[in-house]
């Protein structure tokens, strides 16, 4: 019975390894193809750098994607959509003004 368990474990390990290898290979091919298409149409973007920036700012990226999906999906055509836009719009405006004020104060402090 123990020998059969070892055989099953080996098969599972091999399957996991082969699936992981196939997934990595597919991921590499998709990235290379996307980079090739972008280069062909003249869009000079380093996809590796872009991916790293998305990972570094995951919540910001998620927020931008959700907002774009909301707008493109017709979310602004509803009363709830307009309410959410007003709520988040005010919060974003407040944060933008706060950040701009901090930058002005930092520049003024460094020039003094």
C-alpha atoms as a PDB file:
ATOM      1  CA  UNK A   1       0.000   0.000   0.000  1.00  0.00           C
ATOM      2  CA  UNK A   2       2.857   2.357   0.834  1.00  0.00           C
ATOM      3  CA  UNK A   3       4.428   1.750  -2.580  1.00  0.00           C
ATOM      4  CA  UNK A   4       1.191   2.764  -4.299  1.00  0.00           C
ATOM      5  CA  UNK A   5       1.021   5.980  -2.246  1.00  0.00           C
ATOM      6  CA  UNK A   6       4.576   6.809  -3.321  1.00  0.00           C
ATOM      7  CA  UNK A   7       3.623   6.223  -6.961  1.00  0.00           C
ATOM      8  CA  UNK A   8       0.591   8.492  -6.645  1.00  0.00           C
ATOM      9  CA  UNK A   9       2.715  11.199  -4.984  1.00  0.00           C
ATOM     10  CA  UNK A  10       5.270  10.971  -7.800  1.00  0.00           C
ATOM     11  CA  UNK A  11       2.567  11.290 -10.451  1.00  0.00           C
ATOM     12  CA  UNK A  12       1.086  14.307  -8.673  1.00  0.00           C
ATOM     13  CA  UNK A  13       4.525  15.934  -8.359  1.00  0.00           C
ATOM     14  CA  UNK A  14       5.272  15.336 -12.043  1.00  0.00           C
ATOM     15  CA  UNK A  15       1.867  16.686 -13.061  1.00  0.00           C
ATOM     16  CA  UNK A  16       2.294  19.772 -10.932  1.00  0.00           C
ATOM     17  CA  UNK A  17       5.763  20.386 -12.324  1.00  0.00           C
ATOM     18  CA  UNK A  18       4.646  19.923 -15.914  1.00  0.00           C
ATOM     19  CA  UNK A  19       1.607  22.171 -15.433  1.00  0.00           C
ATOM     20  CA  UNK A  20       3.732  24.879 -13.819  1.00  0.00           C
ATOM     21  CA  UNK A  21       6.260  24.621 -16.650  1.00  0.00           C
ATOM     22  CA  UNK A  22       3.528  24.809 -19.273  1.00  0.00           C
ATOM     23  CA  UNK A  23       1.977  27.826 -17.554  1.00  0.00           C
ATOM     24  CA  UNK A  24       5.335  29.639 -17.459  1.00  0.00           C
ATOM     25  CA  UNK A  25       5.965  28.845 -21.112  1.00  0.00           C
ATOM     26  CA  UNK A  26       2.492  30.053 -22.101  1.00  0.00           C
ATOM     27  CA  UNK A  27       2.951  33.229 -20.067  1.00  0.00           C
ATOM     28  CA  UNK A  28       6.279  33.912 -21.781  1.00  0.00           C
ATOM     29  CA  UNK A  29       4.775  33.330 -25.249  1.00  0.00           C
ATOM     30  CA  UNK A  30       1.832  35.653 -24.539  1.00  0.00           C
ATOM     31  CA  UNK A  31       4.167  38.396 -23.280  1.00  0.00           C
ATOM     32  CA  UNK A  32       6.469  38.031 -26.282  1.00  0.00           C
ATOM     33  CA  UNK A  33       3.528  38.122 -28.688  1.00  0.00           C
ATOM     34  CA  UNK A  34       2.025  41.197 -27.011  1.00  0.00           C
ATOM     35  CA  UNK A  35       5.389  42.961 -27.081  1.00  0.00           C
ATOM     36  CA  UNK A  36       5.768  42.072 -30.757  1.00  0.00           C
ATOM     37  CA  UNK A  37       2.343  43.500 -31.614  1.00  0.00           C
ATOM     38  CA  UNK A  38       3.017  46.688 -29.665  1.00  0.00           C
ATOM     39  CA  UNK A  39       6.361  47.134 -31.404  1.00  0.00           C
ATOM     40  CA  UNK A  40       4.744  46.503 -34.809  1.00  0.00           C
ATOM     41  CA  UNK A  41       2.189  49.292 -34.350  1.00  0.00           C
ATOM     42  CA  UNK A  42       4.829  51.662 -33.010  1.00  0.00           C
ATOM     43  CA  UNK A  43       3.881  51.676 -29.331  1.00  0.00           C
ATOM     44  CA  UNK A  44       7.126  51.621 -27.416  1.00  0.00           C
ATOM     45  CA  UNK A  45       6.219  50.100 -24.051  1.00  0.00           C
ATOM     46  CA  UNK A  46       8.407  47.861 -21.955  1.00  0.00           C
ATOM     47  CA  UNK A  47       5.872  45.291 -20.767  1.00  0.00           C
ATOM     48  CA  UNK A  48       8.212  44.000 -18.054  1.00  0.00           C
ATOM     49  CA  UNK A  49       8.506  47.501 -16.568  1.00  0.00           C
ATOM     50  CA  UNK A  50       4.757  48.037 -16.951  1.00  0.00           C
ATOM     51  CA  UNK A  51       4.024  44.772 -15.123  1.00  0.00           C
ATOM     52  CA  UNK A  52       6.395  45.703 -12.285  1.00  0.00           C
ATOM     53  CA  UNK A  53       4.711  49.098 -11.883  1.00  0.00           C
ATOM     54  CA  UNK A  54       1.294  47.449 -11.761  1.00  0.00           C
ATOM     55  CA  UNK A  55       2.503  45.074  -9.063  1.00  0.00           C
ATOM     56  CA  UNK A  56       4.134  47.891  -7.069  1.00  0.00           C
ATOM     57  CA  UNK A  57       0.910  49.926  -7.096  1.00  0.00           C
ATOM     58  CA  UNK A  58      -1.649  47.155  -7.090  1.00  0.00           C
ATOM     59  CA  UNK A  59      -4.440  49.048  -5.316  1.00  0.00           C
ATOM     60  CA  UNK A  60      -4.052  52.111  -7.525  1.00  0.00           C
ATOM     61  CA  UNK A  61      -4.086  49.901 -10.615  1.00  0.00           C
ATOM     62  CA  UNK A  62      -7.162  48.076  -9.357  1.00  0.00           C
ATOM     63  CA  UNK A  63      -8.927  51.354  -8.663  1.00  0.00           C
ATOM     64  CA  UNK A  64      -8.166  52.722 -12.104  1.00  0.00           C
ATOM     65  CA  UNK A  65      -9.314  49.510 -13.764  1.00  0.00           C
ATOM     66  CA  UNK A  66     -12.513  49.415 -11.707  1.00  0.00           C
ATOM     67  CA  UNK A  67     -13.245  53.065 -12.483  1.00  0.00           C
ATOM     68  CA  UNK A  68     -12.645  52.592 -16.193  1.00  0.00           C
ATOM     69  CA  UNK A  69     -14.834  49.492 -16.220  1.00  0.00           C
ATOM     70  CA  UNK A  70     -17.544  51.338 -14.358  1.00  0.00           C
ATOM     71  CA  UNK A  71     -17.560  54.244 -16.787  1.00  0.00           C
ATOM     72  CA  UNK A  72     -17.246  52.115 -19.925  1.00  0.00           C
ATOM     73  CA  UNK A  73     -19.846  49.682 -18.628  1.00  0.00           C
ATOM     74  CA  UNK A  74     -22.441  52.429 -18.410  1.00  0.00           C
ATOM     75  CA  UNK A  75     -22.338  52.935 -14.654  1.00  0.00           C
ATOM     76  CA  UNK A  76     -22.732  56.694 -15.013  1.00  0.00           C
ATOM     77  CA  UNK A  77     -26.139  56.257 -16.619  1.00  0.00           C
ATOM     78  CA  UNK A  78     -27.690  55.232 -13.292  1.00  0.00           C
ATOM     79  CA  UNK A  79     -28.545  57.268 -10.207  1.00  0.00           C
ATOM     80  CA  UNK A  80     -26.288  55.064  -8.110  1.00  0.00           C
ATOM     81  CA  UNK A  81     -23.460  55.672 -10.588  1.00  0.00           C
ATOM     82  CA  UNK A  82     -23.816  59.426 -10.358  1.00  0.00           C
ATOM     83  CA  UNK A  83     -23.923  59.192  -6.552  1.00  0.00           C
ATOM     84  CA  UNK A  84     -20.747  57.083  -6.475  1.00  0.00           C
ATOM     85  CA  UNK A  85     -19.023  59.458  -8.877  1.00  0.00           C
ATOM     86  CA  UNK A  86     -19.888  62.372  -6.606  1.00  0.00           C
ATOM     87  CA  UNK A  87     -18.690  60.544  -3.506  1.00  0.00           C
ATOM     88  CA  UNK A  88     -15.404  59.323  -4.944  1.00  0.00           C
ATOM     89  CA  UNK A  89     -14.917  62.457  -7.030  1.00  0.00           C
ATOM     90  CA  UNK A  90     -14.937  64.640  -3.920  1.00  0.00           C
ATOM     91  CA  UNK A  91     -12.539  62.314  -2.119  1.00  0.00           C
ATOM     92  CA  UNK A  92     -10.172  62.286  -5.086  1.00  0.00           C
ATOM     93  CA  UNK A  93     -10.362  66.071  -5.449  1.00  0.00           C
ATOM     94  CA  UNK A  94      -9.606  66.515  -1.738  1.00  0.00           C
ATOM     95  CA  UNK A  95      -6.614  64.174  -1.956  1.00  0.00           C
ATOM     96  CA  UNK A  96      -5.318  65.908  -5.090  1.00  0.00           C
ATOM     97  CA  UNK A  97      -5.501  69.339  -3.484  1.00  0.00           C
ATOM     98  CA  UNK A  98      -3.793  68.025  -0.342  1.00  0.00           C
ATOM     99  CA  UNK A  99      -0.952  66.481  -2.374  1.00  0.00           C
ATOM    100  CA  UNK A 100      -0.529  69.647  -4.447  1.00  0.00           C
ATOM    101  CA  UNK A 101      -0.383  71.746  -1.263  1.00  0.00           C
ATOM    102  CA  UNK A 102       2.268  69.476   0.229  1.00  0.00           C
ATOM    103  CA  UNK A 103       4.383  69.705  -2.914  1.00  0.00           C
ATOM    104  CA  UNK A 104       4.144  73.512  -2.914  1.00  0.00           C
ATOM    105  CA  UNK A 105       5.171  73.639   0.745  1.00  0.00           C
ATOM    106  CA  UNK A 106       8.060  71.233   0.164  1.00  0.00           C
ATOM    107  CA  UNK A 107       9.349  73.280  -2.757  1.00  0.00           C
ATOM    108  CA  UNK A 108       9.007  76.504  -0.750  1.00  0.00           C
ATOM    109  CA  UNK A 109      10.856  74.926   2.196  1.00  0.00           C
ATOM    110  CA  UNK A 110      13.682  73.624   0.024  1.00  0.00           C
ATOM    111  CA  UNK A 111      14.191  77.023  -1.645  1.00  0.00           C
ATOM    112  CA  UNK A 112      14.437  78.872   1.655  1.00  0.00           C
END
